[in-house]
PDB file of N, CA and C in Angstrom:
ATOM      1  N   MET A   1     -11.781   5.118  36.341  1.00  0.00           N
ATOM      2  CA  MET A   1     -12.409   4.337  35.288  1.00  0.00           C
ATOM      3  C   MET A   1     -12.562   5.177  34.021  1.00  0.00           C
ATOM      4  N   GLU A   2     -12.996   6.443  34.228  1.00  0.00           N
ATOM      5  CA  GLU A   2     -13.196   7.337  33.081  1.00  0.00           C
ATOM      6  C   GLU A   2     -11.872   7.628  32.383  1.00  0.00           C
ATOM      7  N   LYS A   3     -10.792   7.757  33.189  1.00  0.00           N
ATOM      8  CA  LYS A   3      -9.472   8.012  32.608  1.00  0.00           C
ATOM      9  C   LYS A   3      -9.034   6.833  31.745  1.00  0.00           C
ATOM     10  N   LYS A   4      -9.324   5.618  32.196  1.00  0.00           N
ATOM     11  CA  LYS A   4      -8.968   4.425  31.431  1.00  0.00           C
ATOM     12  C   LYS A   4      -9.695   4.413  30.088  1.00  0.00           C
ATOM     13  N   ILE A   5     -10.953   4.777  30.083  1.00  0.00           N
ATOM     14  CA  ILE A   5     -11.733   4.834  28.840  1.00  0.00           C
ATOM     15  C   ILE A   5     -11.156   5.888  27.910  1.00  0.00           C
ATOM     16  N   ASN A   6     -10.793   7.052  28.471  1.00  0.00           N
ATOM     17  CA  ASN A   6     -10.194   8.114  27.659  1.00  0.00           C
ATOM     18  C   ASN A   6      -8.861   7.672  27.070  1.00  0.00           C
ATOM     19  N   ASP A   7      -8.068   6.958  27.865  1.00  0.00           N
ATOM     20  CA  ASP A   7      -6.785   6.451  27.372  1.00  0.00           C
ATOM     21  C   ASP A   7      -6.994   5.471  26.220  1.00  0.00           C
ATOM     22  N   GLU A   8      -7.996   4.613  26.349  1.00  0.00           N
ATOM     23  CA  GLU A   8      -8.293   3.658  25.277  1.00  0.00           C
ATOM     24  C   GLU A   8      -8.745   4.384  24.016  1.00  0.00           C
ATOM     25  N   ASP A   9      -9.555   5.427  24.190  1.00  0.00           N
ATOM     26  CA  ASP A   9      -9.997   6.226  23.041  1.00  0.00           C
ATOM     27  C   ASP A   9      -8.813   6.908  22.370  1.00  0.00           C
ATOM     28  N   ASP A  10      -7.896   7.434  23.196  1.00  0.00           N
ATOM     29  CA  ASP A  10      -6.700   8.086  22.652  1.00  0.00           C
ATOM     30  C   ASP A  10      -5.844   7.092  21.876  1.00  0.00           C
ATOM     31  N   GLU A  11      -5.704   5.887  22.423  1.00  0.00           N
ATOM     32  CA  GLU A  11      -4.922   4.852  21.741  1.00  0.00           C
ATOM     33  C   GLU A  11      -5.554   4.481  20.409  1.00  0.00           C
ATOM     34  N   GLU A  12      -6.872   4.344  20.387  1.00  0.00           N
ATOM     35  CA  GLU A  12      -7.567   4.014  19.140  1.00  0.00           C
ATOM     36  C   GLU A  12      -7.399   5.128  18.113  1.00  0.00           C
ATOM     37  N   GLU A  13      -7.470   6.374  18.581  1.00  0.00           N
ATOM     38  CA  GLU A  13      -7.315   7.517  17.682  1.00  0.00           C
ATOM     39  C   GLU A  13      -5.894   7.566  17.115  1.00  0.00           C
ATOM     40  N   GLU A  14      -4.897   7.347  17.970  1.00  0.00           N
ATOM     41  CA  GLU A  14      -3.505   7.335  17.513  1.00  0.00           C
ATOM     42  C   GLU A  14      -3.263   6.187  16.537  1.00  0.00           C
ATOM     43  N   SER A  15      -3.850   5.047  16.836  1.00  0.00           N
ATOM     44  CA  SER A  15      -3.718   3.889  15.950  1.00  0.00           C
ATOM     45  C   SER A  15      -4.341   4.182  14.591  1.00  0.00           C
ATOM     46  N   ALA A  16      -5.495   4.809  14.597  1.00  0.00           N
ATOM     47  CA  ALA A  16      -6.168   5.156  13.340  1.00  0.00           C
ATOM     48  C   ALA A  16      -5.338   6.154  12.543  1.00  0.00           C
ATOM     49  N   LYS A  17      -4.742   7.134  13.234  1.00  0.00           N
ATOM     50  CA  LYS A  17      -3.884   8.114  12.551  1.00  0.00           C
ATOM     51  C   LYS A  17      -2.675   7.426  11.929  1.00  0.00           C
ATOM     52  N   PHE A  18      -2.062   6.521  12.688  1.00  0.00           N
ATOM     53  CA  PHE A  18      -0.891   5.802  12.189  1.00  0.00           C
ATOM     54  C   PHE A  18      -1.256   4.974  10.961  1.00  0.00           C
ATOM     55  N   LYS A  19      -2.377   4.267  11.031  1.00  0.00           N
ATOM     56  CA  LYS A  19      -2.817   3.452   9.894  1.00  0.00           C
ATOM     57  C   LYS A  19      -3.085   4.318   8.672  1.00  0.00           C
ATOM     58  N   THR A  20      -3.635   5.502   8.886  1.00  0.00           N
ATOM     59  CA  THR A  20      -3.897   6.415   7.772  1.00  0.00           C
ATOM     60  C   THR A  20      -2.594   6.864   7.133  1.00  0.00           C
ATOM     61  N   ILE A  21      -1.610   7.200   7.949  1.00  0.00           N
ATOM     62  CA  ILE A  21      -0.306   7.625   7.431  1.00  0.00           C
ATOM     63  C   ILE A  21       0.334   6.497   6.637  1.00  0.00           C
ATOM     64  N   VAL A  22       0.324   5.301   7.192  1.00  0.00           N
ATOM     65  CA  VAL A  22       0.915   4.148   6.507  1.00  0.00           C
ATOM     66  C   VAL A  22       0.185   3.873   5.198  1.00  0.00           C
ATOM     67  N   ALA A  23      -1.131   3.937   5.228  1.00  0.00           N
ATOM     68  CA  ALA A  23      -1.910   3.685   4.008  1.00  0.00           C
ATOM     69  C   ALA A  23      -1.581   4.710   2.930  1.00  0.00           C
ATOM     70  N   LYS A  24      -1.429   5.972   3.316  1.00  0.00           N
ATOM     71  CA  LYS A  24      -1.067   7.009   2.341  1.00  0.00           C
ATOM     72  C   LYS A  24       0.308   6.735   1.742  1.00  0.00           C
ATOM     73  N   GLN A  25       1.245   6.288   2.569  1.00  0.00           N
ATOM     74  CA  GLN A  25       2.583   5.971   2.071  1.00  0.00           C
ATOM     75  C   GLN A  25       2.545   4.770   1.131  1.00  0.00           C
ATOM     76  N   VAL A  26       1.745   3.786   1.458  1.00  0.00           N
ATOM     77  CA  VAL A  26       1.615   2.607   0.601  1.00  0.00           C
ATOM     78  C   VAL A  26       1.005   2.995  -0.741  1.00  0.00           C
ATOM     79  N   VAL A  27      -0.001   3.852  -0.712  1.00  0.00           N
ATOM     80  CA  VAL A  27      -0.622   4.303  -1.963  1.00  0.00           C
ATOM     81  C   VAL A  27       0.395   5.049  -2.815  1.00  0.00           C
ATOM     82  N   GLN A  28       1.212   5.890  -2.192  1.00  0.00           N
ATOM     83  CA  GLN A  28       2.251   6.610  -2.936  1.00  0.00           C
ATOM     84  C   GLN A  28       3.251   5.628  -3.545  1.00  0.00           C
ATOM     85  N   ALA A  29       3.659   4.633  -2.777  1.00  0.00           N
ATOM     86  CA  ALA A  29       4.589   3.626  -3.299  1.00  0.00           C
ATOM     87  C   ALA A  29       3.952   2.841  -4.443  1.00  0.00           C
ATOM     88  N   LEU A  30       2.661   2.560  -4.334  1.00  0.00           N
ATOM     89  CA  LEU A  30       1.952   1.875  -5.421  1.00  0.00           C
ATOM     90  C   LEU A  30       1.948   2.713  -6.693  1.00  0.00           C
ATOM     91  N   ARG A  31       1.760   4.010  -6.546  1.00  0.00           N
ATOM     92  CA  ARG A  31       1.786   4.897  -7.720  1.00  0.00           C
ATOM     93  C   ARG A  31       3.148   4.867  -8.401  1.00  0.00           C
ATOM     94  N   ILE A  32       4.195   4.925  -7.599  1.00  0.00           N
ATOM     95  CA  ILE A  32       5.551   4.891  -8.156  1.00  0.00           C
ATOM     96  C   ILE A  32       5.790   3.568  -8.874  1.00  0.00           C
ATOM     97  N   SER A  33       5.421   2.464  -8.235  1.00  0.00           N
ATOM     98  CA  SER A  33       5.586   1.147  -8.859  1.00  0.00           C
ATOM     99  C   SER A  33       4.785   1.059 -10.147  1.00  0.00           C
ATOM    100  N   HIS A  34       3.566   1.551 -10.117  1.00  0.00           N
ATOM    101  CA  HIS A  34       2.703   1.532 -11.301  1.00  0.00           C
ATOM    102  C   HIS A  34       3.350   2.313 -12.451  1.00  0.00           C
ATOM    103  N   ASN A  35       3.876   3.485 -12.143  1.00  0.00           N
ATOM    104  CA  ASN A  35       4.529   4.296 -13.179  1.00  0.00           C
ATOM    105  C   ASN A  35       5.756   3.591 -13.749  1.00  0.00           C
ATOM    106  N   ASN A  36       6.554   2.979 -12.878  1.00  0.00           N
ATOM    107  CA  ASN A  36       7.748   2.262 -13.339  1.00  0.00           C
ATOM    108  C   ASN A  36       7.374   1.078 -14.229  1.00  0.00           C
ATOM    109  N   ILE A  37       6.343   0.359 -13.841  1.00  0.00           N
ATOM    110  CA  ILE A  37       5.891  -0.791 -14.636  1.00  0.00           C
ATOM    111  C   ILE A  37       5.382  -0.316 -15.992  1.00  0.00           C
ATOM    112  N   ASN A  38       4.609   0.764 -15.992  1.00  0.00           N
ATOM    113  CA  ASN A  38       4.098   1.303 -17.261  1.00  0.00           C
ATOM    114  C   ASN A  38       5.224   1.744 -18.188  1.00  0.00           C
ATOM    115  N   LYS A  39       6.255   2.371 -17.630  1.00  0.00           N
ATOM    116  CA  LYS A  39       7.397   2.795 -18.452  1.00  0.00           C
ATOM    117  C   LYS A  39       8.070   1.582 -19.090  1.00  0.00           C
ATOM    118  N   PHE A  40       8.237   0.520 -18.312  1.00  0.00           N
ATOM    119  CA  PHE A  40       8.876  -0.686 -18.834  1.00  0.00           C
ATOM    120  C   PHE A  40       8.021  -1.319 -19.928  1.00  0.00           C
ATOM    121  N   VAL A  41       6.730  -1.424 -19.687  1.00  0.00           N
ATOM    122  CA  VAL A  41       5.826  -2.021 -20.675  1.00  0.00           C
ATOM    123  C   VAL A  41       5.845  -1.203 -21.963  1.00  0.00           C
ATOM    124  N   SER A  42       5.838   0.106 -21.839  1.00  0.00           N
ATOM    125  CA  SER A  42       5.897   0.967 -23.028  1.00  0.00           C
ATOM    126  C   SER A  42       7.186   0.738 -23.800  1.00  0.00           C
ATOM    127  N   LYS A  43       8.275   0.596 -23.073  1.00  0.00           N
ATOM    128  CA  LYS A  43       9.575   0.349 -23.702  1.00  0.00           C
ATOM    129  C   LYS A  43       9.538  -0.953 -24.505  1.00  0.00           C
ATOM    130  N   VAL A  44       8.962  -1.980 -23.917  1.00  0.00           N
ATOM    131  CA  VAL A  44       8.869  -3.283 -24.586  1.00  0.00           C
ATOM    132  C   VAL A  44       7.950  -3.185 -25.801  1.00  0.00           C
ATOM    133  N   GLN A  45       6.806  -2.543 -25.638  1.00  0.00           N
ATOM    134  CA  GLN A  45       5.846  -2.436 -26.735  1.00  0.00           C
ATOM    135  C   GLN A  45       6.394  -1.631 -27.907  1.00  0.00           C
ATOM    136  N   GLU A  46       7.210  -0.643 -27.610  1.00  0.00           N
ATOM    137  CA  GLU A  46       7.786   0.185 -28.671  1.00  0.00           C
ATOM    138  C   GLU A  46       9.011  -0.465 -29.306  1.00  0.00           C
ATOM    139  N   GLY A  47       9.420  -1.594 -28.773  1.00  0.00           N
ATOM    140  CA  GLY A  47      10.559  -2.316 -29.334  1.00  0.00           C
ATOM    141  C   GLY A  47      11.901  -1.702 -28.985  1.00  0.00           C
ATOM    142  N   LYS A  48      11.928  -0.873 -27.949  1.00  0.00           N
ATOM    143  CA  LYS A  48      13.189  -0.261 -27.519  1.00  0.00           C
ATOM    144  C   LYS A  48      14.025  -1.293 -26.773  1.00  0.00           C
ATOM    145  N   ASN A  49      15.318  -1.043 -26.738  1.00  0.00           N
ATOM    146  CA  ASN A  49      16.213  -1.924 -25.991  1.00  0.00           C
ATOM    147  C   ASN A  49      16.006  -1.716 -24.493  1.00  0.00           C
ATOM    148  N   PHE A  50      16.098  -2.805 -23.769  1.00  0.00           N
ATOM    149  CA  PHE A  50      16.028  -2.714 -22.317  1.00  0.00           C
ATOM    150  C   PHE A  50      17.060  -3.657 -21.735  1.00  0.00           C
ATOM    151  N   THR A  51      17.502  -3.318 -20.543  1.00  0.00           N
ATOM    152  CA  THR A  51      18.578  -4.069 -19.900  1.00  0.00           C
ATOM    153  C   THR A  51      18.004  -5.088 -18.918  1.00  0.00           C
ATOM    154  N   HIS A  52      18.887  -5.946 -18.455  1.00  0.00           N
ATOM    155  CA  HIS A  52      18.512  -6.917 -17.428  1.00  0.00           C
ATOM    156  C   HIS A  52      18.074  -6.168 -16.164  1.00  0.00           C
ATOM    157  N   GLU A  53      18.718  -5.043 -15.905  1.00  0.00           N
ATOM    158  CA  GLU A  53      18.363  -4.222 -14.745  1.00  0.00           C
ATOM    159  C   GLU A  53      16.928  -3.694 -14.873  1.00  0.00           C
ATOM    160  N   ASP A  54      16.535  -3.296 -16.087  1.00  0.00           N
ATOM    161  CA  ASP A  54      15.159  -2.835 -16.321  1.00  0.00           C
ATOM    162  C   ASP A  54      14.154  -3.947 -16.016  1.00  0.00           C
ATOM    163  N   VAL A  55      14.481  -5.161 -16.435  1.00  0.00           N
ATOM    164  CA  VAL A  55      13.599  -6.310 -16.188  1.00  0.00           C
ATOM    165  C   VAL A  55      13.494  -6.576 -14.689  1.00  0.00           C
ATOM    166  N   ASP A  56      14.634  -6.580 -14.000  1.00  0.00           N
ATOM    167  CA  ASP A  56      14.631  -6.812 -12.553  1.00  0.00           C
ATOM    168  C   ASP A  56      13.806  -5.760 -11.822  1.00  0.00           C
ATOM    169  N   LYS A  57      13.981  -4.506 -12.223  1.00  0.00           N
ATOM    170  CA  LYS A  57      13.247  -3.424 -11.571  1.00  0.00           C
ATOM    171  C   LYS A  57      11.742  -3.584 -11.791  1.00  0.00           C
ATOM    172  N   ALA A  58      11.347  -3.929 -13.001  1.00  0.00           N
ATOM    173  CA  ALA A  58       9.923  -4.121 -13.296  1.00  0.00           C
ATOM    174  C   ALA A  58       9.357  -5.297 -12.497  1.00  0.00           C
ATOM    175  N   GLN A  59      10.135  -6.369 -12.386  1.00  0.00           N
ATOM    176  CA  GLN A  59       9.682  -7.523 -11.598  1.00  0.00           C
ATOM    177  C   GLN A  59       9.541  -7.149 -10.121  1.00  0.00           C
ATOM    178  N   ASN A  60      10.526  -6.437  -9.600  1.00  0.00           N
ATOM    179  CA  ASN A  60      10.470  -6.020  -8.196  1.00  0.00           C
ATOM    180  C   ASN A  60       9.289  -5.090  -7.939  1.00  0.00           C
ATOM    181  N   ASP A  61       9.054  -4.163  -8.865  1.00  0.00           N
ATOM    182  CA  ASP A  61       7.916  -3.256  -8.720  1.00  0.00           C
ATOM    183  C   ASP A  61       6.598  -4.019  -8.775  1.00  0.00           C
ATOM    184  N   THR A  62       6.532  -5.027  -9.624  1.00  0.00           N
ATOM    185  CA  THR A  62       5.309  -5.827  -9.731  1.00  0.00           C
ATOM    186  C   THR A  62       5.035  -6.577  -8.432  1.00  0.00           C
ATOM    187  N   VAL A  63       6.061  -7.202  -7.884  1.00  0.00           N
ATOM    188  CA  VAL A  63       5.902  -7.941  -6.628  1.00  0.00           C
ATOM    189  C   VAL A  63       5.553  -6.982  -5.490  1.00  0.00           C
ATOM    190  N   ALA A  64       6.243  -5.846  -5.438  1.00  0.00           N
ATOM    191  CA  ALA A  64       5.965  -4.863  -4.385  1.00  0.00           C
ATOM    192  C   ALA A  64       4.528  -4.356  -4.485  1.00  0.00           C
ATOM    193  N   ALA A  65       4.090  -4.060  -5.695  1.00  0.00           N
ATOM    194  CA  ALA A  65       2.723  -3.570  -5.893  1.00  0.00           C
ATOM    195  C   ALA A  65       1.709  -4.627  -5.462  1.00  0.00           C
ATOM    196  N   PHE A  66       1.991  -5.876  -5.783  1.00  0.00           N
ATOM    197  CA  PHE A  66       1.096  -6.966  -5.403  1.00  0.00           C
ATOM    198  C   PHE A  66       0.960  -7.053  -3.884  1.00  0.00           C
ATOM    199  N   TYR A  67       2.088  -7.067  -3.176  1.00  0.00           N
ATOM    200  CA  TYR A  67       2.044  -7.188  -1.721  1.00  0.00           C
ATOM    201  C   TYR A  67       1.440  -5.952  -1.061  1.00  0.00           C
ATOM    202  N   MET A  68       1.741  -4.771  -1.583  1.00  0.00           N
ATOM    203  CA  MET A  68       1.166  -3.560  -0.998  1.00  0.00           C
ATOM    204  C   MET A  68      -0.345  -3.517  -1.203  1.00  0.00           C
ATOM    205  N   SER A  69      -0.806  -3.955  -2.363  1.00  0.00           N
ATOM    206  CA  SER A  69      -2.256  -3.972  -2.594  1.00  0.00           C
ATOM    207  C   SER A  69      -2.927  -5.000  -1.689  1.00  0.00           C
ATOM    208  N   MET A  70      -2.247  -6.113  -1.435  1.00  0.00           N
ATOM    209  CA  MET A  70      -2.784  -7.103  -0.491  1.00  0.00           C
ATOM    210  C   MET A  70      -2.871  -6.508   0.910  1.00  0.00           C
ATOM    211  N   LEU A  71      -1.841  -5.765   1.303  1.00  0.00           N
ATOM    212  CA  LEU A  71      -1.831  -5.126   2.616  1.00  0.00           C
ATOM    213  C   LEU A  71      -3.002  -4.166   2.750  1.00  0.00           C
ATOM    214  N   LEU A  72      -3.208  -3.331   1.744  1.00  0.00           N
ATOM    215  CA  LEU A  72      -4.326  -2.392   1.787  1.00  0.00           C
ATOM    216  C   LEU A  72      -5.660  -3.124   1.801  1.00  0.00           C
ATOM    217  N   SER A  73      -5.758  -4.180   1.035  1.00  0.00           N
ATOM    218  CA  SER A  73      -6.992  -4.953   0.971  1.00  0.00           C
ATOM    219  C   SER A  73      -7.298  -5.585   2.327  1.00  0.00           C
ATOM    220  N   ASP A  74      -6.279  -6.149   2.974  1.00  0.00           N
ATOM    221  CA  ASP A  74      -6.467  -6.755   4.292  1.00  0.00           C
ATOM    222  C   ASP A  74      -6.906  -5.715   5.315  1.00  0.00           C
ATOM    223  N   GLU A  75      -6.267  -4.540   5.293  1.00  0.00           N
ATOM    224  CA  GLU A  75      -6.623  -3.482   6.233  1.00  0.00           C
ATOM    225  C   GLU A  75      -8.051  -3.013   5.995  1.00  0.00           C
ATOM    226  N   SER A  76      -8.418  -2.886   4.731  1.00  0.00           N
ATOM    227  CA  SER A  76      -9.770  -2.448   4.392  1.00  0.00           C
ATOM    228  C   SER A  76     -10.793  -3.461   4.887  1.00  0.00           C
ATOM    229  N   LYS A  77     -10.493  -4.738   4.696  1.00  0.00           N
ATOM    230  CA  LYS A  77     -11.406  -5.797   5.136  1.00  0.00           C
ATOM    231  C   LYS A  77     -11.518  -5.808   6.659  1.00  0.00           C
ATOM    232  N   LYS A  78     -10.378  -5.641   7.347  1.00  0.00           N
ATOM    233  CA  LYS A  78     -10.401  -5.630   8.811  1.00  0.00           C
ATOM    234  C   LYS A  78     -11.237  -4.475   9.340  1.00  0.00           C
ATOM    235  N   SER A  79     -11.061  -3.294   8.740  1.00  0.00           N
ATOM    236  CA  SER A  79     -11.818  -2.143   9.237  1.00  0.00           C
ATOM    237  C   SER A  79     -13.313  -2.317   8.974  1.00  0.00           C
ATOM    238  N   LYS A  80     -13.681  -2.925   7.847  1.00  0.00           N
ATOM    239  CA  LYS A  80     -15.099  -3.184   7.575  1.00  0.00           C
ATOM    240  C   LYS A  80     -15.652  -4.199   8.565  1.00  0.00           C
ATOM    241  N   ASP A  81     -14.862  -5.245   8.853  1.00  0.00           N
ATOM    242  CA  ASP A  81     -15.303  -6.255   9.817  1.00  0.00           C
ATOM    243  C   ASP A  81     -15.472  -5.642  11.204  1.00  0.00           C
ATOM    244  N   ASP A  82     -14.518  -4.769  11.589  1.00  0.00           N
ATOM    245  CA  ASP A  82     -14.607  -4.116  12.894  1.00  0.00           C
ATOM    246  C   ASP A  82     -15.858  -3.249  12.991  1.00  0.00           C
ATOM    247  N   LYS A  83     -16.168  -2.524  11.922  1.00  0.00           N
ATOM    248  CA  LYS A  83     -17.353  -1.666  11.929  1.00  0.00           C
ATOM    249  C   LYS A  83     -18.626  -2.502  11.994  1.00  0.00           C
ATOM    250  N   ASN A  84     -18.634  -3.647  11.311  1.00  0.00           N
ATOM    251  CA  ASN A  84     -19.812  -4.512  11.317  1.00  0.00           C
ATOM    252  C   ASN A  84     -20.045  -5.143  12.686  1.00  0.00           C
ATOM    253  N   GLN A  85     -18.961  -5.393  13.435  1.00  0.00           N
ATOM    254  CA  GLN A  85     -19.093  -6.004  14.753  1.00  0.00           C
ATOM    255  C   GLN A  85     -19.624  -5.025  15.787  1.00  0.00           C
ATOM    256  N   LYS A  86     -19.413  -3.728  15.555  1.00  0.00           N
ATOM    257  CA  LYS A  86     -19.862  -2.715  16.533  1.00  0.00           C
ATOM    258  C   LYS A  86     -21.282  -2.426  16.357  1.00  0.00           C
TER     259      LYS A  86
END
């Protein structure tokens, strides 16, 4: 019985480590997307020429940033709910 409890604790710890790694990667991807979007906005504001590819990249970064922030928000809410239930 004690071994089963230890195994469950180990699984929870591994799961928490994995979630932390994924969250760090998502935050890094958000930073990259944010920087790319800022570069594009600066280009537009300064009246510089930009290509269709620049527009597509900015749109893709915007959508990616939106979904990644939703993912982080959902995970944050789940962890708060889990802590409140305990």
